[in-house]
Amino acid sequence: MTMNRSKIRRKNAIRELGQLMQELPGLVDVVVVEGFRDMQSLRSLGYRGSIEVLNRSGVNDFDLADDLVSCYRRILLLLDFDEEGLRLNRHFNQILERKGAKVEYGLRREFARLMSATGAYAIEDLDNILSKMEE
């Protein structure tokens, strides 16, 4: 019975993630991820809005933040939920907010909740979600 509940919980979370991906472009101007594989994962889940990658060769954090703030107002930092991702998230939240951006904390918490229910803690792991949707 516990296995059934866990599977139902995971399927519901996957469905909710898919719905959130469809609604996200209306809620934020851009989603910022750590790397290219993270961007691919969001695209595989159906996200069609703007995505920017954090790791840009030769661009320091402050210049990147200036670029983001000059183009976007509502920003979702969708960085991994591991120790490094949490550190990067705190760091960029502070920089972006000092520069006047609206960083979407609530949406990040919602992603954390849904990803936890699916067993994914890195954004790039979300590309496996599609295969789980079909199970």
C-alpha atoms as a PDB file:
ATOM      1  CA  MET A   1       0.000   0.000   0.000  1.00  0.00           C
ATOM      2  CA  THR A   2       2.837   2.415   0.847  1.00  0.00           C
ATOM      3  CA  MET A   3       4.422   1.680  -2.532  1.00  0.00           C
ATOM      4  CA  ASN A   4       1.126   2.553  -4.218  1.00  0.00           C
ATOM      5  CA  ARG A   5       0.827   5.864  -2.333  1.00  0.00           C
ATOM      6  CA  SER A   6       4.395   6.743  -3.213  1.00  0.00           C
ATOM      7  CA  LYS A   7       3.812   6.007  -6.892  1.00  0.00           C
ATOM      8  CA  ILE A   8       0.590   8.047  -6.904  1.00  0.00           C
ATOM      9  CA  ARG A   9       2.373  10.923  -5.167  1.00  0.00           C
ATOM     10  CA  ARG A  10       5.157  10.829  -7.777  1.00  0.00           C
ATOM     11  CA  LYS A  11       2.687  10.729 -10.698  1.00  0.00           C
ATOM     12  CA  ASN A  12       0.737  13.663  -9.237  1.00  0.00           C
ATOM     13  CA  ALA A  13       3.955  15.642  -8.779  1.00  0.00           C
ATOM     14  CA  ILE A  14       5.005  14.907 -12.372  1.00  0.00           C
ATOM     15  CA  ARG A  15       1.614  16.047 -13.641  1.00  0.00           C
ATOM     16  CA  GLU A  16       1.845  19.225 -11.542  1.00  0.00           C
ATOM     17  CA  LEU A  17       5.364  19.883 -12.869  1.00  0.00           C
ATOM     18  CA  GLY A  18       4.044  19.646 -16.411  1.00  0.00           C
ATOM     19  CA  GLN A  19       1.242  22.083 -15.607  1.00  0.00           C
ATOM     20  CA  LEU A  20       3.677  24.465 -13.931  1.00  0.00           C
ATOM     21  CA  MET A  21       5.908  24.387 -17.015  1.00  0.00           C
ATOM     22  CA  GLN A  22       2.927  25.457 -19.139  1.00  0.00           C
ATOM     23  CA  GLU A  23       2.017  28.326 -16.771  1.00  0.00           C
ATOM     24  CA  LEU A  24       5.562  29.499 -16.054  1.00  0.00           C
ATOM     25  CA  PRO A  25       6.028  31.836 -19.062  1.00  0.00           C
ATOM     26  CA  GLY A  26       3.130  33.948 -17.761  1.00  0.00           C
ATOM     27  CA  LEU A  27       4.559  34.038 -14.240  1.00  0.00           C
ATOM     28  CA  VAL A  28       8.198  34.957 -14.902  1.00  0.00           C
ATOM     29  CA  ASP A  29      10.168  36.707 -17.616  1.00  0.00           C
ATOM     30  CA  VAL A  30      13.067  34.264 -17.514  1.00  0.00           C
ATOM     31  CA  VAL A  31      14.225  31.070 -15.822  1.00  0.00           C
ATOM     32  CA  VAL A  32      17.916  30.984 -14.931  1.00  0.00           C
ATOM     33  CA  VAL A  33      19.560  27.547 -14.752  1.00  0.00           C
ATOM     34  CA  GLU A  34      23.103  26.404 -14.028  1.00  0.00           C
ATOM     35  CA  GLY A  35      23.997  24.807 -17.340  1.00  0.00           C
ATOM     36  CA  PHE A  36      23.009  23.658 -20.815  1.00  0.00           C
ATOM     37  CA  ARG A  37      21.689  20.250 -19.664  1.00  0.00           C
ATOM     38  CA  ASP A  38      19.366  22.018 -17.221  1.00  0.00           C
ATOM     39  CA  MET A  39      18.004  24.094 -20.093  1.00  0.00           C
ATOM     40  CA  GLN A  40      17.458  20.939 -22.166  1.00  0.00           C
ATOM     41  CA  SER A  41      15.576  19.333 -19.281  1.00  0.00           C
ATOM     42  CA  LEU A  42      13.179  22.265 -18.979  1.00  0.00           C
ATOM     43  CA  ARG A  43      12.581  22.187 -22.726  1.00  0.00           C
ATOM     44  CA  SER A  44      11.901  18.437 -22.590  1.00  0.00           C
ATOM     45  CA  LEU A  45       9.221  19.147 -19.971  1.00  0.00           C
ATOM     46  CA  GLY A  46       7.550  21.612 -22.297  1.00  0.00           C
ATOM     47  CA  TYR A  47       8.811  24.963 -21.030  1.00  0.00           C
ATOM     48  CA  ARG A  48       8.798  27.408 -23.966  1.00  0.00           C
ATOM     49  CA  GLY A  49       9.722  30.659 -22.205  1.00  0.00           C
ATOM     50  CA  SER A  50      13.084  32.411 -21.942  1.00  0.00           C
ATOM     51  CA  ILE A  51      15.948  30.514 -20.325  1.00  0.00           C
ATOM     52  CA  GLU A  52      19.360  31.921 -19.430  1.00  0.00           C
ATOM     53  CA  VAL A  53      22.350  29.860 -18.372  1.00  0.00           C
ATOM     54  CA  LEU A  54      24.320  30.923 -15.305  1.00  0.00           C
ATOM     55  CA  ASN A  55      27.664  29.435 -16.311  1.00  0.00           C
ATOM     56  CA  ARG A  56      28.971  31.724 -19.028  1.00  0.00           C
ATOM     57  CA  SER A  57      32.633  31.506 -19.843  1.00  0.00           C
ATOM     58  CA  GLY A  58      34.479  34.747 -19.171  1.00  0.00           C
ATOM     59  CA  VAL A  59      31.492  36.564 -17.622  1.00  0.00           C
ATOM     60  CA  ASN A  60      31.635  37.415 -13.928  1.00  0.00           C
ATOM     61  CA  ASP A  61      28.581  37.160 -11.677  1.00  0.00           C
ATOM     62  CA  PHE A  62      27.968  40.914 -11.487  1.00  0.00           C
ATOM     63  CA  ASP A  63      28.121  41.421 -15.262  1.00  0.00           C
ATOM     64  CA  LEU A  64      25.778  38.459 -15.726  1.00  0.00           C
ATOM     65  CA  ALA A  65      23.371  39.953 -13.190  1.00  0.00           C
ATOM     66  CA  ASP A  66      23.533  43.321 -15.012  1.00  0.00           C
ATOM     67  CA  ASP A  67      22.675  41.558 -18.287  1.00  0.00           C
ATOM     68  CA  LEU A  68      19.759  39.708 -16.697  1.00  0.00           C
ATOM     69  CA  VAL A  69      18.321  42.775 -14.972  1.00  0.00           C
ATOM     70  CA  SER A  70      18.608  44.856 -18.151  1.00  0.00           C
ATOM     71  CA  CYS A  71      16.474  42.310 -20.048  1.00  0.00           C
ATOM     72  CA  TYR A  72      14.137  40.782 -17.441  1.00  0.00           C
ATOM     73  CA  ARG A  73      12.168  41.962 -14.438  1.00  0.00           C
ATOM     74  CA  ARG A  74      10.712  38.749 -12.915  1.00  0.00           C
ATOM     75  CA  ILE A  75      13.409  36.107 -12.551  1.00  0.00           C
ATOM     76  CA  LEU A  76      13.175  32.504 -11.385  1.00  0.00           C
ATOM     77  CA  LEU A  77      16.493  31.057 -10.267  1.00  0.00           C
ATOM     78  CA  LEU A  78      15.997  27.362 -10.868  1.00  0.00           C
ATOM     79  CA  LEU A  79      19.344  26.121  -9.640  1.00  0.00           C
ATOM     80  CA  ASP A  80      19.935  22.643  -8.266  1.00  0.00           C
ATOM     81  CA  PHE A  81      18.785  21.760  -4.773  1.00  0.00           C
ATOM     82  CA  ASP A  82      22.158  20.353  -3.716  1.00  0.00           C
ATOM     83  CA  GLU A  83      24.660  22.232  -1.518  1.00  0.00           C
ATOM     84  CA  GLU A  84      26.339  24.023  -4.439  1.00  0.00           C
ATOM     85  CA  GLY A  85      23.018  24.967  -6.049  1.00  0.00           C
ATOM     86  CA  LEU A  86      21.686  26.348  -2.776  1.00  0.00           C
ATOM     87  CA  ARG A  87      24.857  28.411  -2.323  1.00  0.00           C
ATOM     88  CA  LEU A  88      24.629  29.757  -5.889  1.00  0.00           C
ATOM     89  CA  ASN A  89      20.946  30.521  -5.386  1.00  0.00           C
ATOM     90  CA  ARG A  90      21.614  32.606  -2.243  1.00  0.00           C
ATOM     91  CA  HIS A  91      24.512  34.404  -3.949  1.00  0.00           C
ATOM     92  CA  PHE A  92      22.577  35.331  -7.096  1.00  0.00           C
ATOM     93  CA  ASN A  93      19.399  36.213  -5.194  1.00  0.00           C
ATOM     94  CA  GLN A  94      21.348  38.849  -3.289  1.00  0.00           C
ATOM     95  CA  ILE A  95      23.041  40.277  -6.390  1.00  0.00           C
ATOM     96  CA  LEU A  96      19.860  40.354  -8.474  1.00  0.00           C
ATOM     97  CA  GLU A  97      17.729  41.913  -5.756  1.00  0.00           C
ATOM     98  CA  ARG A  98      20.342  44.620  -5.132  1.00  0.00           C
ATOM     99  CA  LYS A  99      20.084  45.439  -8.831  1.00  0.00           C
ATOM    100  CA  GLY A 100      16.291  45.724  -8.650  1.00  0.00           C
ATOM    101  CA  ALA A 101      15.105  42.368 -10.017  1.00  0.00           C
ATOM    102  CA  LYS A 102      12.097  40.541  -8.595  1.00  0.00           C
ATOM    103  CA  VAL A 103      13.341  37.056  -7.735  1.00  0.00           C
ATOM    104  CA  GLU A 104      10.510  34.514  -7.511  1.00  0.00           C
ATOM    105  CA  TYR A 105      11.047  32.598  -4.245  1.00  0.00           C
ATOM    106  CA  GLY A 106       7.608  30.995  -4.089  1.00  0.00           C
ATOM    107  CA  LEU A 107       7.958  29.343  -7.478  1.00  0.00           C
ATOM    108  CA  ARG A 108      11.357  27.961  -6.498  1.00  0.00           C
ATOM    109  CA  ARG A 109       9.835  26.473  -3.342  1.00  0.00           C
ATOM    110  CA  GLU A 110       7.060  24.926  -5.438  1.00  0.00           C
ATOM    111  CA  PHE A 111       9.651  23.366  -7.761  1.00  0.00           C
ATOM    112  CA  ALA A 112      11.548  22.045  -4.732  1.00  0.00           C
ATOM    113  CA  ARG A 113       8.377  20.419  -3.369  1.00  0.00           C
ATOM    114  CA  LEU A 114       7.423  18.819  -6.679  1.00  0.00           C
ATOM    115  CA  MET A 115      10.945  17.687  -7.523  1.00  0.00           C
ATOM    116  CA  SER A 116      11.345  16.139  -4.086  1.00  0.00           C
ATOM    117  CA  ALA A 117       8.171  14.134  -4.672  1.00  0.00           C
ATOM    118  CA  THR A 118       9.624  12.809  -7.948  1.00  0.00           C
ATOM    119  CA  GLY A 119      13.017  12.009  -6.416  1.00  0.00           C
ATOM    120  CA  ALA A 120      14.871  14.592  -8.566  1.00  0.00           C
ATOM    121  CA  TYR A 121      17.144  17.133  -6.867  1.00  0.00           C
ATOM    122  CA  ALA A 122      19.143  18.387  -9.847  1.00  0.00           C
ATOM    123  CA  ILE A 123      17.394  20.271 -12.643  1.00  0.00           C
ATOM    124  CA  GLU A 124      19.087  18.130 -15.284  1.00  0.00           C
ATOM    125  CA  ASP A 125      17.443  15.073 -13.715  1.00  0.00           C
ATOM    126  CA  LEU A 126      14.080  16.397 -14.841  1.00  0.00           C
ATOM    127  CA  ASP A 127      14.681  15.052 -18.347  1.00  0.00           C
ATOM    128  CA  ASN A 128      13.966  11.627 -16.874  1.00  0.00           C
ATOM    129  CA  ILE A 129      10.531  12.887 -15.805  1.00  0.00           C
ATOM    130  CA  LEU A 130       9.069  12.437 -19.292  1.00  0.00           C
ATOM    131  CA  SER A 131       9.740   8.720 -19.241  1.00  0.00           C
ATOM    132  CA  LYS A 132       8.150   8.544 -15.771  1.00  0.00           C
ATOM    133  CA  MET A 133       5.064  10.324 -17.118  1.00  0.00           C
ATOM    134  CA  GLU A 134       4.533   7.483 -19.554  1.00  0.00           C
ATOM    135  CA  GLU A 135       4.924   4.695 -16.949  1.00  0.00           C
END
